[in-house]
């Protein structure tokens, strides 16, 4: 009986250590995603998203809100840098509900684009088709 308790405690402690290590790894895995979006490297972004999904079982919607590129979200960063390929890919991969919900500043992506004069962006056209 005592052996079972000790084993359970050891397994619980090990799982906390592994969980802490996994979080650090996901941050490392997503570290250069802003650079990829700014460079409009669709292939590299797709590869990064696949790697995160296979290694950590996370989809774009799971980590999208936690990433900020100079204070802006990934799709907003794509619009500001004319990164049409990566911006379009992210719009297509995000759920429609997330695309039409307000971001951290209280504005939706479409409202933010309108305020910043980016209505003519091809990314906005794809966004409007999705929502």
N, C-alpha and C. Protein backbone atom coordinates (compact mmCIF):
# COMPACT_ATOMS: atom_id res chain seq x y z
N UNK A 1 0.82 -1.19 0.00
CA UNK A 1 0.00 0.00 0.00
C UNK A 1 0.87 1.26 0.00
N UNK A 2 1.88 1.29 0.86
CA UNK A 2 2.78 2.44 0.95
C UNK A 2 3.54 2.63 -0.36
N UNK A 3 3.88 1.54 -1.01
CA UNK A 3 4.60 1.60 -2.27
C UNK A 3 3.73 2.26 -3.36
N UNK A 4 2.43 1.97 -3.35
CA UNK A 4 1.51 2.55 -4.33
C UNK A 4 1.40 4.05 -4.12
N UNK A 5 1.32 4.49 -2.87
CA UNK A 5 1.23 5.91 -2.55
C UNK A 5 2.49 6.64 -3.00
N UNK A 6 3.64 6.07 -2.70
CA UNK A 6 4.91 6.69 -3.11
C UNK A 6 5.00 6.79 -4.63
N UNK A 7 4.58 5.73 -5.31
CA UNK A 7 4.62 5.73 -6.77
C UNK A 7 3.68 6.79 -7.34
N UNK A 8 2.49 6.91 -6.77
CA UNK A 8 1.52 7.91 -7.22
C UNK A 8 2.06 9.33 -7.04
N UNK A 9 2.69 9.57 -5.91
CA UNK A 9 3.26 10.90 -5.65
C UNK A 9 4.40 11.18 -6.62
N UNK A 10 5.22 10.20 -6.88
CA UNK A 10 6.34 10.37 -7.81
C UNK A 10 5.82 10.66 -9.22
N UNK A 11 4.79 9.96 -9.65
CA UNK A 11 4.21 10.19 -10.97
C UNK A 11 3.58 11.58 -11.07
N UNK A 12 2.89 12.00 -10.01
CA UNK A 12 2.29 13.33 -10.00
C UNK A 12 3.37 14.41 -10.09
N UNK A 13 4.43 14.26 -9.34
CA UNK A 13 5.53 15.24 -9.38
C UNK A 13 6.18 15.27 -10.76
N UNK A 14 6.37 14.12 -11.35
CA UNK A 14 6.97 14.05 -12.68
C UNK A 14 6.08 14.72 -13.72
N UNK A 15 4.78 14.57 -13.60
CA UNK A 15 3.87 15.18 -14.58
C UNK A 15 3.91 16.70 -14.48
N UNK A 16 4.06 17.26 -13.27
CA UNK A 16 4.19 18.70 -13.13
C UNK A 16 5.47 19.21 -13.77
N UNK A 17 6.54 18.48 -13.62
CA UNK A 17 7.81 18.87 -14.22
C UNK A 17 7.70 18.83 -15.74
N UNK A 18 7.10 17.80 -16.28
CA UNK A 18 6.93 17.67 -17.73
C UNK A 18 6.01 18.75 -18.24
N UNK A 19 4.93 19.07 -17.53
CA UNK A 19 3.98 20.10 -17.96
C UNK A 19 4.67 21.47 -18.02
N UNK A 20 5.50 21.79 -17.05
CA UNK A 20 6.24 23.04 -17.06
C UNK A 20 7.22 23.10 -18.22
N UNK A 21 7.84 22.00 -18.52
CA UNK A 21 8.79 21.92 -19.62
C UNK A 21 8.07 22.07 -20.97
N UNK A 22 6.88 21.51 -21.10
CA UNK A 22 6.12 21.59 -22.35
C UNK A 22 5.72 23.02 -22.65
N UNK A 23 5.35 23.80 -21.63
CA UNK A 23 4.97 25.19 -21.85
C UNK A 23 6.15 26.00 -22.36
N UNK A 24 7.32 25.77 -21.81
CA UNK A 24 8.51 26.48 -22.28
C UNK A 24 8.81 26.10 -23.73
N UNK A 25 8.61 24.86 -24.07
CA UNK A 25 8.87 24.42 -25.44
C UNK A 25 7.91 25.05 -26.44
N UNK A 26 6.63 25.21 -26.08
CA UNK A 26 5.67 25.81 -27.00
C UNK A 26 6.05 27.27 -27.24
N UNK A 27 6.52 27.95 -26.22
CA UNK A 27 6.97 29.34 -26.41
C UNK A 27 8.16 29.40 -27.36
N UNK A 28 9.07 28.46 -27.22
CA UNK A 28 10.21 28.40 -28.13
C UNK A 28 9.76 28.06 -29.55
N UNK A 29 8.79 27.16 -29.66
CA UNK A 29 8.31 26.74 -30.98
C UNK A 29 7.63 27.89 -31.71
N UNK A 30 6.97 28.77 -30.97
CA UNK A 30 6.25 29.89 -31.59
C UNK A 30 7.04 31.19 -31.59
N UNK A 31 8.29 31.15 -31.16
CA UNK A 31 9.09 32.35 -30.97
C UNK A 31 9.21 33.19 -32.25
N UNK A 32 9.43 32.59 -33.38
CA UNK A 32 9.68 33.36 -34.60
C UNK A 32 8.46 33.45 -35.52
N UNK A 33 7.27 33.21 -35.00
CA UNK A 33 6.08 33.23 -35.85
C UNK A 33 5.79 34.64 -36.37
N UNK A 34 6.09 35.66 -35.60
CA UNK A 34 5.89 37.04 -36.07
C UNK A 34 6.78 37.34 -37.27
N UNK A 35 8.01 36.89 -37.20
CA UNK A 35 8.94 37.09 -38.31
C UNK A 35 8.46 36.38 -39.57
N UNK A 36 7.91 35.19 -39.39
CA UNK A 36 7.39 34.41 -40.52
C UNK A 36 6.22 35.14 -41.16
N UNK A 37 5.32 35.67 -40.33
CA UNK A 37 4.16 36.40 -40.85
C UNK A 37 4.61 37.67 -41.57
N UNK A 38 5.51 38.42 -40.96
CA UNK A 38 5.99 39.67 -41.59
C UNK A 38 6.69 39.40 -42.91
N UNK A 39 7.40 38.28 -43.01
CA UNK A 39 8.11 37.92 -44.25
C UNK A 39 7.16 37.33 -45.30
N UNK A 40 5.91 37.09 -44.93
CA UNK A 40 4.90 36.51 -45.81
C UNK A 40 5.34 35.15 -46.36
N UNK A 41 5.89 34.34 -45.48
CA UNK A 41 6.37 33.01 -45.86
C UNK A 41 5.29 31.98 -45.51
N UNK A 42 4.38 31.78 -46.45
CA UNK A 42 3.24 30.89 -46.23
C UNK A 42 3.68 29.45 -45.96
N UNK A 43 4.65 28.97 -46.68
CA UNK A 43 5.13 27.60 -46.50
C UNK A 43 5.71 27.39 -45.12
N UNK A 44 6.49 28.34 -44.66
CA UNK A 44 7.09 28.23 -43.33
C UNK A 44 6.02 28.33 -42.24
N UNK A 45 5.04 29.21 -42.43
CA UNK A 45 3.95 29.32 -41.47
C UNK A 45 3.14 28.04 -41.41
N UNK A 46 2.85 27.47 -42.56
CA UNK A 46 2.10 26.21 -42.61
C UNK A 46 2.89 25.11 -41.89
N UNK A 47 4.20 25.07 -42.12
CA UNK A 47 5.06 24.07 -41.47
C UNK A 47 5.07 24.27 -39.95
N UNK A 48 5.16 25.52 -39.51
CA UNK A 48 5.16 25.85 -38.08
C UNK A 48 3.84 25.44 -37.45
N UNK A 49 2.72 25.72 -38.11
CA UNK A 49 1.40 25.36 -37.58
C UNK A 49 1.24 23.85 -37.49
N UNK A 50 1.72 23.12 -38.50
CA UNK A 50 1.65 21.65 -38.46
C UNK A 50 2.50 21.08 -37.33
N UNK A 51 3.69 21.64 -37.13
CA UNK A 51 4.59 21.17 -36.09
C UNK A 51 3.96 21.39 -34.71
N UNK A 52 3.39 22.56 -34.49
CA UNK A 52 2.76 22.85 -33.20
C UNK A 52 1.55 21.94 -32.99
N UNK A 53 0.81 21.69 -34.06
CA UNK A 53 -0.36 20.82 -33.93
C UNK A 53 0.05 19.38 -33.62
N UNK A 54 1.09 18.89 -34.28
CA UNK A 54 1.49 17.50 -34.05
C UNK A 54 2.23 17.33 -32.71
N UNK A 55 3.06 18.30 -32.34
CA UNK A 55 3.84 18.18 -31.11
C UNK A 55 3.05 18.53 -29.85
N UNK A 56 2.16 19.52 -29.94
CA UNK A 56 1.47 20.02 -28.76
C UNK A 56 -0.05 19.89 -28.83
N UNK A 57 -0.54 19.39 -29.95
CA UNK A 57 -1.99 19.23 -30.17
C UNK A 57 -2.73 20.55 -30.02
N UNK A 58 -2.15 21.61 -30.57
CA UNK A 58 -2.76 22.93 -30.54
C UNK A 58 -3.00 23.41 -31.96
N UNK A 59 -4.17 23.96 -32.18
CA UNK A 59 -4.48 24.57 -33.47
C UNK A 59 -4.27 26.08 -33.34
N UNK A 60 -4.30 26.77 -34.47
CA UNK A 60 -4.06 28.22 -34.50
C UNK A 60 -4.95 28.95 -33.50
N UNK A 61 -6.21 28.59 -33.44
CA UNK A 61 -7.13 29.28 -32.54
C UNK A 61 -6.75 29.13 -31.07
N UNK A 62 -6.01 28.08 -30.74
CA UNK A 62 -5.62 27.84 -29.35
C UNK A 62 -4.52 28.79 -28.88
N UNK A 63 -3.66 29.23 -29.78
CA UNK A 63 -2.55 30.09 -29.36
C UNK A 63 -2.57 31.46 -30.01
N UNK A 64 -3.53 31.72 -30.89
CA UNK A 64 -3.60 32.99 -31.62
C UNK A 64 -3.67 34.19 -30.68
N UNK A 65 -4.56 34.15 -29.70
CA UNK A 65 -4.75 35.31 -28.82
C UNK A 65 -3.56 35.54 -27.89
N UNK A 66 -2.73 34.55 -27.69
CA UNK A 66 -1.58 34.69 -26.81
C UNK A 66 -0.34 35.24 -27.50
N UNK A 67 -0.42 35.48 -28.79
CA UNK A 67 0.74 35.98 -29.53
C UNK A 67 0.52 37.43 -29.92
N UNK A 68 1.50 38.26 -29.65
CA UNK A 68 1.44 39.67 -30.00
C UNK A 68 2.71 40.03 -30.75
N UNK A 69 2.55 40.66 -31.88
CA UNK A 69 3.69 41.11 -32.69
C UNK A 69 3.72 42.64 -32.64
N UNK A 70 4.50 43.17 -31.76
CA UNK A 70 4.56 44.62 -31.62
C UNK A 70 3.23 45.21 -31.15
N UNK A 71 2.49 44.46 -30.35
CA UNK A 71 1.21 44.93 -29.84
C UNK A 71 0.01 44.58 -30.71
N UNK A 72 0.24 43.96 -31.84
CA UNK A 72 -0.85 43.60 -32.75
C UNK A 72 -0.96 42.08 -32.86
N UNK A 73 -2.15 41.62 -33.21
CA UNK A 73 -2.37 40.18 -33.41
C UNK A 73 -1.71 39.75 -34.72
N UNK A 74 -1.69 38.47 -34.95
CA UNK A 74 -1.03 37.94 -36.15
C UNK A 74 -1.70 38.41 -37.45
N UNK A 75 -3.02 38.38 -37.51
CA UNK A 75 -3.71 38.80 -38.74
C UNK A 75 -3.53 40.30 -38.95
N UNK A 76 -3.60 41.08 -37.90
CA UNK A 76 -3.37 42.53 -38.02
C UNK A 76 -1.93 42.80 -38.49
N UNK A 77 -0.97 42.05 -37.97
CA UNK A 77 0.42 42.19 -38.39
C UNK A 77 0.55 41.88 -39.87
N UNK A 78 -0.14 40.85 -40.33
CA UNK A 78 -0.11 40.50 -41.75
C UNK A 78 -0.67 41.65 -42.59
N UNK A 79 -1.75 42.26 -42.15
CA UNK A 79 -2.33 43.39 -42.89
C UNK A 79 -1.37 44.58 -42.94
N UNK A 80 -0.75 44.89 -41.81
CA UNK A 80 0.16 46.04 -41.74
C UNK A 80 1.40 45.85 -42.61
N UNK A 81 1.80 44.59 -42.83
CA UNK A 81 3.01 44.30 -43.59
C UNK A 81 2.73 43.80 -45.00
N UNK A 82 1.48 43.92 -45.44
CA UNK A 82 1.07 43.42 -46.77
C UNK A 82 1.45 41.96 -46.97
N UNK A 83 1.33 41.19 -45.94
CA UNK A 83 1.63 39.75 -45.99
C UNK A 83 0.35 39.01 -46.35
N UNK A 84 0.01 39.08 -47.62
CA UNK A 84 -1.28 38.57 -48.09
C UNK A 84 -1.38 37.06 -47.97
N UNK A 85 -0.33 36.35 -48.31
CA UNK A 85 -0.37 34.88 -48.27
C UNK A 85 -0.57 34.35 -46.85
N UNK A 86 0.23 34.85 -45.91
CA UNK A 86 0.12 34.36 -44.53
C UNK A 86 -1.18 34.85 -43.88
N UNK A 87 -1.56 36.09 -44.16
CA UNK A 87 -2.81 36.62 -43.61
C UNK A 87 -4.02 35.84 -44.07
N UNK A 88 -4.04 35.53 -45.37
CA UNK A 88 -5.15 34.76 -45.92
C UNK A 88 -5.19 33.36 -45.33
N UNK A 89 -4.04 32.73 -45.18
CA UNK A 89 -3.98 31.39 -44.58
C UNK A 89 -4.55 31.40 -43.17
N UNK A 90 -4.16 32.39 -42.37
CA UNK A 90 -4.65 32.45 -40.99
C UNK A 90 -6.15 32.71 -40.93
N UNK A 91 -6.64 33.57 -41.81
CA UNK A 91 -8.09 33.83 -41.84
C UNK A 91 -8.85 32.55 -42.18
N UNK A 92 -8.31 31.78 -43.09
CA UNK A 92 -8.98 30.53 -43.48
C UNK A 92 -8.89 29.46 -42.40
N UNK A 93 -7.86 29.50 -41.56
CA UNK A 93 -7.67 28.49 -40.52
C UNK A 93 -8.42 28.82 -39.22
N UNK A 94 -8.77 30.09 -39.02
CA UNK A 94 -9.45 30.49 -37.79
C UNK A 94 -10.95 30.23 -37.90
N UNK A 95 -11.59 29.87 -36.78
CA UNK A 95 -13.05 29.70 -36.79
C UNK A 95 -13.74 31.04 -37.05
N UNK A 96 -14.88 30.99 -37.71
CA UNK A 96 -15.61 32.21 -38.05
C UNK A 96 -15.95 33.03 -36.82
N UNK A 97 -16.31 32.38 -35.74
CA UNK A 97 -16.67 33.09 -34.51
C UNK A 97 -15.51 33.88 -33.94
N UNK A 98 -14.32 33.32 -34.02
CA UNK A 98 -13.13 34.02 -33.51
C UNK A 98 -12.78 35.22 -34.39
N UNK A 99 -13.06 35.13 -35.67
CA UNK A 99 -12.75 36.23 -36.59
C UNK A 99 -13.66 37.43 -36.36
N UNK A 100 -14.88 37.17 -35.91
CA UNK A 100 -15.83 38.27 -35.72
C UNK A 100 -15.92 38.73 -34.27
N UNK A 101 -15.13 38.14 -33.39
CA UNK A 101 -15.16 38.58 -31.99
C UNK A 101 -14.08 39.63 -31.75
N UNK A 102 -14.32 40.53 -30.79
CA UNK A 102 -13.34 41.59 -30.51
C UNK A 102 -12.02 41.03 -29.97
N UNK A 103 -10.94 41.68 -30.34
CA UNK A 103 -9.62 41.31 -29.84
C UNK A 103 -9.33 42.08 -28.56
N UNK A 104 -8.12 42.10 -28.10
CA UNK A 104 -7.77 42.67 -26.79
C UNK A 104 -8.11 44.16 -26.67
N UNK A 105 -8.13 44.90 -27.76
CA UNK A 105 -8.45 46.32 -27.70
C UNK A 105 -9.94 46.60 -27.85
N UNK A 106 -10.75 45.55 -27.97
CA UNK A 106 -12.20 45.71 -28.08
C UNK A 106 -12.71 45.83 -29.49
N UNK A 107 -11.82 45.84 -30.47
CA UNK A 107 -12.22 45.94 -31.88
C UNK A 107 -12.10 44.60 -32.57
N UNK A 108 -13.03 44.34 -33.46
CA UNK A 108 -12.89 43.15 -34.31
C UNK A 108 -11.82 43.43 -35.34
N UNK A 109 -11.38 42.41 -36.02
CA UNK A 109 -10.34 42.60 -37.05
C UNK A 109 -10.86 43.51 -38.16
N UNK A 110 -12.11 43.31 -38.57
CA UNK A 110 -12.69 44.12 -39.64
C UNK A 110 -12.82 45.59 -39.22
N UNK A 111 -13.27 45.83 -38.00
CA UNK A 111 -13.40 47.21 -37.51
C UNK A 111 -12.04 47.89 -37.40
N UNK A 112 -11.05 47.14 -36.92
CA UNK A 112 -9.70 47.68 -36.81
C UNK A 112 -9.15 48.03 -38.20
N UNK A 113 -9.37 47.15 -39.16
CA UNK A 113 -8.89 47.40 -40.53
C UNK A 113 -9.55 48.65 -41.10
N UNK A 114 -10.84 48.83 -40.85
CA UNK A 114 -11.56 50.00 -41.32
C UNK A 114 -11.01 51.27 -40.69
N UNK A 115 -10.75 51.23 -39.39
CA UNK A 115 -10.19 52.39 -38.68
C UNK A 115 -8.81 52.77 -39.18
N UNK A 116 -8.04 51.78 -39.63
CA UNK A 116 -6.66 52.02 -40.06
C UNK A 116 -6.53 52.14 -41.57
N UNK A 117 -7.64 52.27 -42.28
CA UNK A 117 -7.60 52.48 -43.72
C UNK A 117 -7.13 51.27 -44.51
N UNK A 118 -7.36 50.09 -43.99
CA UNK A 118 -6.92 48.87 -44.66
C UNK A 118 -8.09 48.11 -45.29
N UNK A 119 -9.17 48.82 -45.59
CA UNK A 119 -10.37 48.18 -46.17
C UNK A 119 -10.09 47.52 -47.51
N UNK A 120 -9.13 48.01 -48.24
CA UNK A 120 -8.84 47.49 -49.58
C UNK A 120 -7.88 46.29 -49.56
N UNK A 121 -7.44 45.90 -48.40
CA UNK A 121 -6.53 44.77 -48.30
C UNK A 121 -7.20 43.48 -48.76
N UNK A 122 -6.50 42.66 -49.54
CA UNK A 122 -7.06 41.37 -49.94
C UNK A 122 -7.38 40.47 -48.74
N UNK A 123 -6.69 40.67 -47.65
CA UNK A 123 -6.96 39.90 -46.44
C UNK A 123 -8.35 40.25 -45.91
N UNK A 124 -8.72 41.53 -45.96
CA UNK A 124 -10.04 41.97 -45.52
C UNK A 124 -11.11 41.36 -46.41
N UNK A 125 -10.85 41.26 -47.70
CA UNK A 125 -11.81 40.65 -48.62
C UNK A 125 -12.07 39.18 -48.24
N UNK A 126 -11.00 38.45 -47.94
CA UNK A 126 -11.13 37.04 -47.53
C UNK A 126 -11.84 36.97 -46.18
N UNK A 127 -11.52 37.89 -45.29
CA UNK A 127 -12.15 37.95 -43.98
C UNK A 127 -13.66 38.19 -44.12
N UNK A 128 -14.04 39.13 -44.96
CA UNK A 128 -15.46 39.42 -45.15
C UNK A 128 -16.20 38.24 -45.78
N UNK A 129 -15.53 37.50 -46.63
CA UNK A 129 -16.16 36.31 -47.21
C UNK A 129 -16.39 35.22 -46.16
N UNK A 130 -15.52 35.15 -45.16
CA UNK A 130 -15.63 34.12 -44.12
C UNK A 130 -16.67 34.46 -43.05
N UNK A 131 -16.85 35.75 -42.76
CA UNK A 131 -17.80 36.12 -41.69
C UNK A 131 -19.08 36.68 -42.21
